C-alpha atoms as a PDB file:
ATOM      1  CA  MET A   1       1.015  42.794  35.056  1.00  0.00           C
ATOM      2  CA  ASN A   2      -1.667  44.203  32.807  1.00  0.00           C
ATOM      3  CA  ALA A   3      -0.780  46.699  30.087  1.00  0.00           C
ATOM      4  CA  SER A   4      -2.758  49.621  31.548  1.00  0.00           C
ATOM      5  CA  VAL A   5      -0.895  49.351  34.868  1.00  0.00           C
ATOM      6  CA  GLY A   6       2.421  49.297  33.006  1.00  0.00           C
ATOM      7  CA  ALA A   7       1.428  52.293  30.882  1.00  0.00           C
ATOM      8  CA  LEU A   8       0.451  54.234  34.009  1.00  0.00           C
ATOM      9  CA  ALA A   9       3.757  53.364  35.683  1.00  0.00           C
ATOM     10  CA  LEU A  10       5.742  54.629  32.692  1.00  0.00           C
ATOM     11  CA  ARG A  11       3.627  57.775  32.427  1.00  0.00           C
ATOM     12  CA  ASN A  12       4.422  58.394  36.114  1.00  0.00           C
ATOM     13  CA  ALA A  13       8.135  57.975  35.373  1.00  0.00           C
ATOM     14  CA  GLU A  14       7.959  60.541  32.577  1.00  0.00           C
ATOM     15  CA  GLU A  15       5.921  63.047  34.622  1.00  0.00           C
ATOM     16  CA  GLN A  16       8.182  62.711  37.655  1.00  0.00           C
ATOM     17  CA  ALA A  17      11.298  63.093  35.470  1.00  0.00           C
ATOM     18  CA  ARG A  18       9.764  66.312  34.102  1.00  0.00           C
ATOM     19  CA  ALA A  19       9.303  67.533  37.679  1.00  0.00           C
ATOM     20  CA  VAL A  20      12.999  66.904  38.344  1.00  0.00           C
ATOM     21  CA  GLY A  21      13.859  68.922  35.219  1.00  0.00           C
ATOM     22  CA  ARG A  22      11.661  71.803  36.397  1.00  0.00           C
ATOM     23  CA  ALA A  23      13.367  71.661  39.790  1.00  0.00           C
ATOM     24  CA  MET A  24      16.800  71.854  38.126  1.00  0.00           C
ATOM     25  CA  LEU A  25      15.729  74.911  36.135  1.00  0.00           C
ATOM     26  CA  ALA A  26      14.308  76.561  39.255  1.00  0.00           C
ATOM     27  CA  GLY A  27      17.418  75.780  41.312  1.00  0.00           C
ATOM     28  CA  ASP A  28      15.408  73.617  43.720  1.00  0.00           C
ATOM     29  CA  LEU A  29      18.297  71.292  44.485  1.00  0.00           C
ATOM     30  CA  ARG A  30      16.582  69.839  47.553  1.00  0.00           C
ATOM     31  CA  TRP A  31      13.846  68.475  45.248  1.00  0.00           C
ATOM     32  CA  VAL A  32      16.467  67.114  42.848  1.00  0.00           C
ATOM     33  CA  VAL A  33      18.300  65.332  45.677  1.00  0.00           C
ATOM     34  CA  ARG A  34      15.036  63.923  47.091  1.00  0.00           C
ATOM     35  CA  SER A  35      14.273  62.551  43.620  1.00  0.00           C
ATOM     36  CA  THR A  36      17.682  60.926  43.235  1.00  0.00           C
ATOM     37  CA  TYR A  37      18.026  57.185  43.799  1.00  0.00           C
ATOM     38  CA  ALA A  38      18.938  56.815  47.502  1.00  0.00           C
ATOM     39  CA  PRO A  39      22.184  54.803  47.061  1.00  0.00           C
ATOM     40  CA  VAL A  40      23.489  57.554  44.747  1.00  0.00           C
ATOM     41  CA  VAL A  41      22.717  60.151  47.416  1.00  0.00           C
ATOM     42  CA  GLU A  42      24.569  58.071  50.013  1.00  0.00           C
ATOM     43  CA  LEU A  43      27.579  57.641  47.712  1.00  0.00           C
ATOM     44  CA  ASN A  44      27.658  61.443  47.463  1.00  0.00           C
ATOM     45  CA  GLY A  45      27.895  61.836  51.244  1.00  0.00           C
ATOM     46  CA  GLY A  46      24.207  62.087  52.077  1.00  0.00           C
ATOM     47  CA  ALA A  47      21.489  64.537  51.116  1.00  0.00           C
ATOM     48  CA  GLU A  48      22.973  67.672  52.708  1.00  0.00           C
ATOM     49  CA  ARG A  49      26.419  67.130  51.243  1.00  0.00           C
ATOM     50  CA  MET A  50      25.058  66.268  47.791  1.00  0.00           C
ATOM     51  CA  GLU A  51      22.860  69.370  47.799  1.00  0.00           C
ATOM     52  CA  LYS A  52      25.830  71.541  48.837  1.00  0.00           C
ATOM     53  CA  THR A  53      28.051  70.026  46.149  1.00  0.00           C
ATOM     54  CA  MET A  54      25.374  70.720  43.551  1.00  0.00           C
ATOM     55  CA  ALA A  55      24.857  74.275  44.843  1.00  0.00           C
ATOM     56  CA  ASP A  56      28.604  74.940  44.704  1.00  0.00           C
ATOM     57  CA  GLY A  57      28.719  73.627  41.139  1.00  0.00           C
ATOM     58  CA  ALA A  58      25.744  75.777  40.118  1.00  0.00           C
ATOM     59  CA  ALA A  59      27.373  78.864  41.702  1.00  0.00           C
ATOM     60  CA  GLN A  60      30.575  78.215  39.760  1.00  0.00           C
ATOM     61  CA  MET A  61      28.581  77.794  36.556  1.00  0.00           C
ATOM     62  CA  ARG A  62      26.820  81.130  37.142  1.00  0.00           C
ATOM     63  CA  LYS A  63      30.183  82.768  37.864  1.00  0.00           C
ATOM     64  CA  ASP A  64      31.366  81.442  34.497  1.00  0.00           C
ATOM     65  CA  GLY A  65      28.224  82.800  32.805  1.00  0.00           C
ATOM     66  CA  VAL A  66      26.632  79.368  32.314  1.00  0.00           C
ATOM     67  CA  THR A  67      22.990  78.745  33.191  1.00  0.00           C
ATOM     68  CA  PHE A  68      20.458  75.982  32.663  1.00  0.00           C
ATOM     69  CA  ASP A  69      18.350  76.997  29.685  1.00  0.00           C
ATOM     70  CA  ALA A  70      16.056  73.981  29.295  1.00  0.00           C
ATOM     71  CA  VAL A  71      15.545  70.425  30.482  1.00  0.00           C
ATOM     72  CA  THR A  72      13.210  68.245  28.442  1.00  0.00           C
ATOM     73  CA  VAL A  73      12.276  64.608  28.853  1.00  0.00           C
ATOM     74  CA  ALA A  74      10.510  62.145  26.599  1.00  0.00           C
ATOM     75  CA  ALA A  75       8.532  58.977  27.155  1.00  0.00           C
ATOM     76  CA  PRO A  76      10.587  56.055  28.448  1.00  0.00           C
ATOM     77  CA  THR A  77      12.297  54.098  25.679  1.00  0.00           C
ATOM     78  CA  TRP A  78      12.871  50.936  27.704  1.00  0.00           C
ATOM     79  CA  SER A  79      11.378  49.392  30.817  1.00  0.00           C
ATOM     80  CA  HIS A  80      11.754  46.203  32.764  1.00  0.00           C
ATOM     81  CA  LEU A  81       9.932  44.655  35.701  1.00  0.00           C
ATOM     82  CA  SER A  82      12.163  42.529  37.936  1.00  0.00           C
ATOM     83  CA  GLY A  83      10.294  41.182  40.937  1.00  0.00           C
ATOM     84  CA  PRO A  84       8.688  44.173  42.628  1.00  0.00           C
ATOM     85  CA  ARG A  85      11.122  46.659  41.038  1.00  0.00           C
ATOM     86  CA  TRP A  86      10.539  48.616  37.844  1.00  0.00           C
ATOM     87  CA  TYR A  87      13.368  50.077  35.789  1.00  0.00           C
ATOM     88  CA  ALA A  88      12.983  52.571  32.940  1.00  0.00           C
ATOM     89  CA  ILE A  89      15.195  54.634  30.661  1.00  0.00           C
ATOM     90  CA  VAL A  90      13.809  58.174  30.328  1.00  0.00           C
ATOM     91  CA  PRO A  91      15.464  60.249  27.560  1.00  0.00           C
ATOM     92  CA  GLU A  92      16.539  63.700  28.710  1.00  0.00           C
ATOM     93  CA  THR A  93      17.985  66.706  26.890  1.00  0.00           C
ATOM     94  CA  VAL A  94      19.736  69.383  28.934  1.00  0.00           C
ATOM     95  CA  THR A  95      20.521  72.739  27.352  1.00  0.00           C
ATOM     96  CA  LEU A  96      22.991  75.104  28.977  1.00  0.00           C
ATOM     97  CA  ARG A  97      23.405  78.716  27.945  1.00  0.00           C
ATOM     98  CA  THR A  98      26.928  80.113  27.874  1.00  0.00           C
ATOM     99  CA  PRO A  99      27.955  83.683  27.039  1.00  0.00           C
ATOM    100  CA  LYS A 100      28.631  82.641  23.416  1.00  0.00           C
ATOM    101  CA  SER A 101      26.460  79.602  22.678  1.00  0.00           C
ATOM    102  CA  ARG A 102      24.121  76.923  23.897  1.00  0.00           C
ATOM    103  CA  LEU A 103      25.388  73.483  24.818  1.00  0.00           C
ATOM    104  CA  VAL A 104      22.907  70.682  24.161  1.00  0.00           C
ATOM    105  CA  GLN A 105      23.449  67.309  25.818  1.00  0.00           C
ATOM    106  CA  GLU A 106      21.179  64.394  24.969  1.00  0.00           C
ATOM    107  CA  SER A 107      21.282  61.858  27.768  1.00  0.00           C
ATOM    108  CA  TYR A 108      18.869  59.894  29.934  1.00  0.00           C
ATOM    109  CA  LEU A 109      17.682  59.247  33.444  1.00  0.00           C
ATOM    110  CA  LEU A 110      17.652  55.700  34.750  1.00  0.00           C
ATOM    111  CA  ALA A 111      14.407  55.513  36.713  1.00  0.00           C
ATOM    112  CA  VAL A 112      13.827  53.014  39.531  1.00  0.00           C
ATOM    113  CA  SER A 113      10.546  52.279  41.303  1.00  0.00           C
ATOM    114  CA  ASP A 114       9.883  49.917  44.186  1.00  0.00           C
ATOM    115  CA  ASP A 115       6.140  50.586  44.415  1.00  0.00           C
ATOM    116  CA  ALA A 116       4.746  49.350  41.094  1.00  0.00           C
ATOM    117  CA  GLY A 117       5.627  52.593  39.316  1.00  0.00           C
ATOM    118  CA  ALA A 118       3.722  54.990  41.573  1.00  0.00           C
ATOM    119  CA  THR A 119       6.897  56.866  42.566  1.00  0.00           C
ATOM    120  CA  TRP A 120      10.295  56.894  40.910  1.00  0.00           C
ATOM    121  CA  GLN A 121      13.824  57.831  41.859  1.00  0.00           C
ATOM    122  CA  PHE A 122      16.367  58.780  39.222  1.00  0.00           C
ATOM    123  CA  ILE A 123      20.014  58.286  38.366  1.00  0.00           C
ATOM    124  CA  ASP A 124      21.539  60.808  35.966  1.00  0.00           C
ATOM    125  CA  GLY A 125      22.779  58.863  32.958  1.00  0.00           C
ATOM    126  CA  ALA A 126      25.438  61.467  32.120  1.00  0.00           C
ATOM    127  CA  GLY A 127      27.820  59.993  34.685  1.00  0.00           C
ATOM    128  CA  LEU A 128      26.637  56.407  34.549  1.00  0.00           C
ATOM    129  CA  ASN A 129      28.602  53.532  33.031  1.00  0.00           C
ATOM    130  CA  GLU A 130      28.515  49.746  33.334  1.00  0.00           C
ATOM    131  CA  ARG A 131      31.073  49.739  36.174  1.00  0.00           C
ATOM    132  CA  ASN A 132      29.424  52.284  38.469  1.00  0.00           C
ATOM    133  CA  LEU A 133      25.975  50.916  37.604  1.00  0.00           C
ATOM    134  CA  LYS A 134      26.973  47.730  39.474  1.00  0.00           C
ATOM    135  CA  VAL A 135      27.909  49.856  42.498  1.00  0.00           C
ATOM    136  CA  VAL A 136      24.620  51.754  42.734  1.00  0.00           C
ATOM    137  CA  LEU A 137      22.379  48.955  41.404  1.00  0.00           C
ATOM    138  CA  PRO A 138      24.124  45.644  42.123  1.00  0.00           C
ATOM    139  CA  ASP A 139      20.895  43.763  41.342  1.00  0.00           C
ATOM    140  CA  ALA A 140      20.291  45.504  38.001  1.00  0.00           C
ATOM    141  CA  PRO A 141      18.735  43.114  35.507  1.00  0.00           C
ATOM    142  CA  ALA A 142      20.955  41.689  32.764  1.00  0.00           C
ATOM    143  CA  ALA A 143      18.464  43.125  30.253  1.00  0.00           C
ATOM    144  CA  LEU A 144      19.463  46.666  31.259  1.00  0.00           C
ATOM    145  CA  LYS A 145      21.740  48.090  28.570  1.00  0.00           C
ATOM    146  CA  LEU A 146      22.757  51.681  29.147  1.00  0.00           C
ATOM    147  CA  PRO A 147      22.255  53.960  26.149  1.00  0.00           C
ATOM    148  CA  ALA A 148      25.375  55.074  24.304  1.00  0.00           C
ATOM    149  CA  LYS A 149      26.782  58.448  25.297  1.00  0.00           C
ATOM    150  CA  LYS A 150      26.186  61.230  22.782  1.00  0.00           C
ATOM    151  CA  PRO A 151      28.536  64.156  22.226  1.00  0.00           C
ATOM    152  CA  THR A 152      27.509  67.585  23.455  1.00  0.00           C
ATOM    153  CA  ARG A 153      26.395  69.846  20.608  1.00  0.00           C
ATOM    154  CA  GLN A 154      27.314  73.516  20.550  1.00  0.00           C
ATOM    155  CA  VAL A 155      24.649  75.762  19.025  1.00  0.00           C
ATOM    156  CA  PRO A 156      25.289  79.466  18.343  1.00  0.00           C
ATOM    157  CA  LEU A 157      22.984  81.860  20.207  1.00  0.00           C
ATOM    158  CA  GLY A 158      20.045  83.048  18.169  1.00  0.00           C
ATOM    159  CA  ARG A 159      19.334  79.665  16.594  1.00  0.00           C
END
């Protein structure tokens, strides 16, 4: 594959991950579910059930005074082409606002594309580990090493 095609594919992954972040901030859970890797959606009981579970979680967060403050993504830090399938690690930082502070979680999205990087589906890295990776992506390449989990940082409001 030539370098410009690969660069375009990874730029698509980053842009589409940003769109998922915007959807999370806007509460557009249908968009988030549509952008989630299909086997993950199925493991969560299908699209309707996953969307309801997410909506219930968001409602409980709001009840507790917690809201999404920001979702940022960066350019992919790793990519791999395996047959027709692309994989990429897209760094993501999610900031939640609580009544007393902000919680900042640096994580990642595992991006998967089956159409040469034109469209991507995502798996939230926050809940991903080597064991459940094999469940949702049994054919994941051996070169795929999940990034280490980082602790959530608490930042006082006003900073």
